[in-house]
C-alpha atoms as a PDB file:
ATOM      1  CA  UNK A   1     -35.420  -2.314  35.709  1.00  0.00           C
ATOM      2  CA  UNK A   2     -37.527  -5.112  36.420  1.00  0.00           C
ATOM      3  CA  UNK A   3     -35.840  -7.952  33.861  1.00  0.00           C
ATOM      4  CA  UNK A   4     -31.928  -6.364  34.838  1.00  0.00           C
ATOM      5  CA  UNK A   5     -33.464  -7.860  38.647  1.00  0.00           C
ATOM      6  CA  UNK A   6     -34.576 -11.045  37.036  1.00  0.00           C
ATOM      7  CA  UNK A   7     -31.731 -11.789  35.104  1.00  0.00           C
ATOM      8  CA  UNK A   8     -29.233 -10.523  38.120  1.00  0.00           C
ATOM      9  CA  UNK A   9     -31.048 -13.098  40.455  1.00  0.00           C
ATOM     10  CA  UNK A  10     -30.608 -15.818  37.904  1.00  0.00           C
ATOM     11  CA  UNK A  11     -26.752 -15.364  37.920  1.00  0.00           C
ATOM     12  CA  UNK A  12     -24.394 -17.268  40.196  1.00  0.00           C
ATOM     13  CA  UNK A  13     -22.005 -16.003  42.665  1.00  0.00           C
ATOM     14  CA  UNK A  14     -19.184 -15.627  40.564  1.00  0.00           C
ATOM     15  CA  UNK A  15     -21.162 -14.202  37.455  1.00  0.00           C
ATOM     16  CA  UNK A  16     -22.589 -11.405  39.907  1.00  0.00           C
ATOM     17  CA  UNK A  17     -18.646 -10.571  40.884  1.00  0.00           C
ATOM     18  CA  UNK A  18     -17.842 -10.971  37.264  1.00  0.00           C
ATOM     19  CA  UNK A  19     -20.096  -8.700  36.077  1.00  0.00           C
ATOM     20  CA  UNK A  20     -19.144  -6.233  39.037  1.00  0.00           C
ATOM     21  CA  UNK A  21     -15.420  -6.592  37.615  1.00  0.00           C
ATOM     22  CA  UNK A  22     -16.792  -5.714  33.596  1.00  0.00           C
ATOM     23  CA  UNK A  23     -18.136  -2.632  34.832  1.00  0.00           C
ATOM     24  CA  UNK A  24     -14.872  -1.915  36.929  1.00  0.00           C
ATOM     25  CA  UNK A  25     -12.611  -2.821  34.334  1.00  0.00           C
ATOM     26  CA  UNK A  26     -14.469  -0.738  31.761  1.00  0.00           C
ATOM     27  CA  UNK A  27     -14.574   2.259  34.106  1.00  0.00           C
ATOM     28  CA  UNK A  28     -10.827   1.988  33.718  1.00  0.00           C
ATOM     29  CA  UNK A  29     -10.249   1.143  30.358  1.00  0.00           C
ATOM     30  CA  UNK A  30     -12.014   3.446  28.442  1.00  0.00           C
ATOM     31  CA  UNK A  31      -9.667   6.771  29.389  1.00  0.00           C
ATOM     32  CA  UNK A  32      -6.941   4.308  28.338  1.00  0.00           C
ATOM     33  CA  UNK A  33      -8.370   3.987  25.539  1.00  0.00           C
ATOM     34  CA  UNK A  34      -8.462   7.790  24.603  1.00  0.00           C
ATOM     35  CA  UNK A  35      -4.908   8.181  26.035  1.00  0.00           C
ATOM     36  CA  UNK A  36      -4.019   5.608  23.443  1.00  0.00           C
ATOM     37  CA  UNK A  37      -5.810   7.469  20.605  1.00  0.00           C
ATOM     38  CA  UNK A  38      -4.672  10.693  21.890  1.00  0.00           C
ATOM     39  CA  UNK A  39      -1.118   9.832  21.792  1.00  0.00           C
ATOM     40  CA  UNK A  40      -1.339   8.499  18.007  1.00  0.00           C
ATOM     41  CA  UNK A  41      -2.764  11.689  16.821  1.00  0.00           C
ATOM     42  CA  UNK A  42       0.416  13.079  18.878  1.00  0.00           C
ATOM     43  CA  UNK A  43      -1.865  15.166  20.953  1.00  0.00           C
ATOM     44  CA  UNK A  44      -0.361  14.008  23.834  1.00  0.00           C
ATOM     45  CA  UNK A  45       3.180  13.042  25.168  1.00  0.00           C
ATOM     46  CA  UNK A  46       3.618  10.530  28.135  1.00  0.00           C
ATOM     47  CA  UNK A  47       6.209   7.854  28.818  1.00  0.00           C
ATOM     48  CA  UNK A  48       3.504   6.318  30.031  1.00  0.00           C
ATOM     49  CA  UNK A  49       2.670   3.735  27.204  1.00  0.00           C
ATOM     50  CA  UNK A  50      -1.246   4.101  26.628  1.00  0.00           C
ATOM     51  CA  UNK A  51      -1.684   1.341  24.398  1.00  0.00           C
ATOM     52  CA  UNK A  52      -0.418  -1.599  26.056  1.00  0.00           C
ATOM     53  CA  UNK A  53      -1.837  -0.580  29.085  1.00  0.00           C
ATOM     54  CA  UNK A  54      -5.672  -0.282  26.993  1.00  0.00           C
ATOM     55  CA  UNK A  55      -4.673  -4.012  25.665  1.00  0.00           C
ATOM     56  CA  UNK A  56      -3.759  -5.473  28.678  1.00  0.00           C
ATOM     57  CA  UNK A  57      -7.145  -3.619  30.060  1.00  0.00           C
ATOM     58  CA  UNK A  58      -9.316  -5.021  27.494  1.00  0.00           C
ATOM     59  CA  UNK A  59      -7.905  -8.069  27.767  1.00  0.00           C
ATOM     60  CA  UNK A  60      -8.995  -8.388  31.321  1.00  0.00           C
ATOM     61  CA  UNK A  61     -12.505  -6.874  30.188  1.00  0.00           C
ATOM     62  CA  UNK A  62     -12.843  -9.484  27.335  1.00  0.00           C
ATOM     63  CA  UNK A  63     -11.850 -12.766  30.490  1.00  0.00           C
ATOM     64  CA  UNK A  64     -14.137 -10.860  33.119  1.00  0.00           C
ATOM     65  CA  UNK A  65     -16.808 -10.922  29.945  1.00  0.00           C
ATOM     66  CA  UNK A  66     -16.162 -15.066  29.055  1.00  0.00           C
ATOM     67  CA  UNK A  67     -16.937 -15.619  33.010  1.00  0.00           C
ATOM     68  CA  UNK A  68     -19.950 -14.184  32.900  1.00  0.00           C
ATOM     69  CA  UNK A  69     -21.326 -15.251  29.733  1.00  0.00           C
ATOM     70  CA  UNK A  70     -20.110 -19.082  29.779  1.00  0.00           C
ATOM     71  CA  UNK A  71     -23.252 -20.579  31.194  1.00  0.00           C
ATOM     72  CA  UNK A  72     -25.599 -19.144  28.539  1.00  0.00           C
ATOM     73  CA  UNK A  73     -23.784 -18.005  25.778  1.00  0.00           C
ATOM     74  CA  UNK A  74     -21.001 -20.492  24.854  1.00  0.00           C
ATOM     75  CA  UNK A  75     -20.483 -19.451  21.646  1.00  0.00           C
ATOM     76  CA  UNK A  76     -19.677 -15.334  22.325  1.00  0.00           C
ATOM     77  CA  UNK A  77     -17.689 -16.664  25.114  1.00  0.00           C
ATOM     78  CA  UNK A  78     -15.321 -18.839  22.683  1.00  0.00           C
ATOM     79  CA  UNK A  79     -15.290 -15.872  20.472  1.00  0.00           C
ATOM     80  CA  UNK A  80     -14.221 -13.479  23.455  1.00  0.00           C
ATOM     81  CA  UNK A  81     -11.421 -16.037  24.824  1.00  0.00           C
ATOM     82  CA  UNK A  82     -10.082 -15.891  21.060  1.00  0.00           C
ATOM     83  CA  UNK A  83     -10.511 -12.278  21.374  1.00  0.00           C
ATOM     84  CA  UNK A  84      -8.636 -12.014  25.084  1.00  0.00           C
ATOM     85  CA  UNK A  85      -5.669 -14.117  24.204  1.00  0.00           C
ATOM     86  CA  UNK A  86      -4.916 -11.982  20.918  1.00  0.00           C
ATOM     87  CA  UNK A  87      -4.602  -8.820  22.857  1.00  0.00           C
ATOM     88  CA  UNK A  88      -2.532 -10.035  25.810  1.00  0.00           C
ATOM     89  CA  UNK A  89      -0.436 -11.128  22.733  1.00  0.00           C
ATOM     90  CA  UNK A  90      -0.569  -7.950  20.890  1.00  0.00           C
ATOM     91  CA  UNK A  91       0.427  -6.026  24.275  1.00  0.00           C
ATOM     92  CA  UNK A  92       3.320  -8.473  25.015  1.00  0.00           C
ATOM     93  CA  UNK A  93       4.366  -8.242  21.800  1.00  0.00           C
ATOM     94  CA  UNK A  94       4.270  -4.569  21.937  1.00  0.00           C
ATOM     95  CA  UNK A  95       6.367  -3.703  25.271  1.00  0.00           C
ATOM     96  CA  UNK A  96       9.011  -6.177  23.621  1.00  0.00           C
END
């Protein structure tokens, strides 16, 4: 707990907001991913497309993570930028 508090104190305000957003978006995206898997396995039938929603949610998750780690872990952040863009493009193409 002490290590977490020390890391929290080192963060800039916008990085703290991004950390909170990561937790919120992650909590929303996990059920979307489960719903997407259940739709692929043909277990649930819903007019709502969980696949597109989970791709958009994961893209938003990665954007928040980029904001959180850009200052100290630039290489990881660049990888997550690429993943966010790929997921967003895939979601757009699936929607069309």
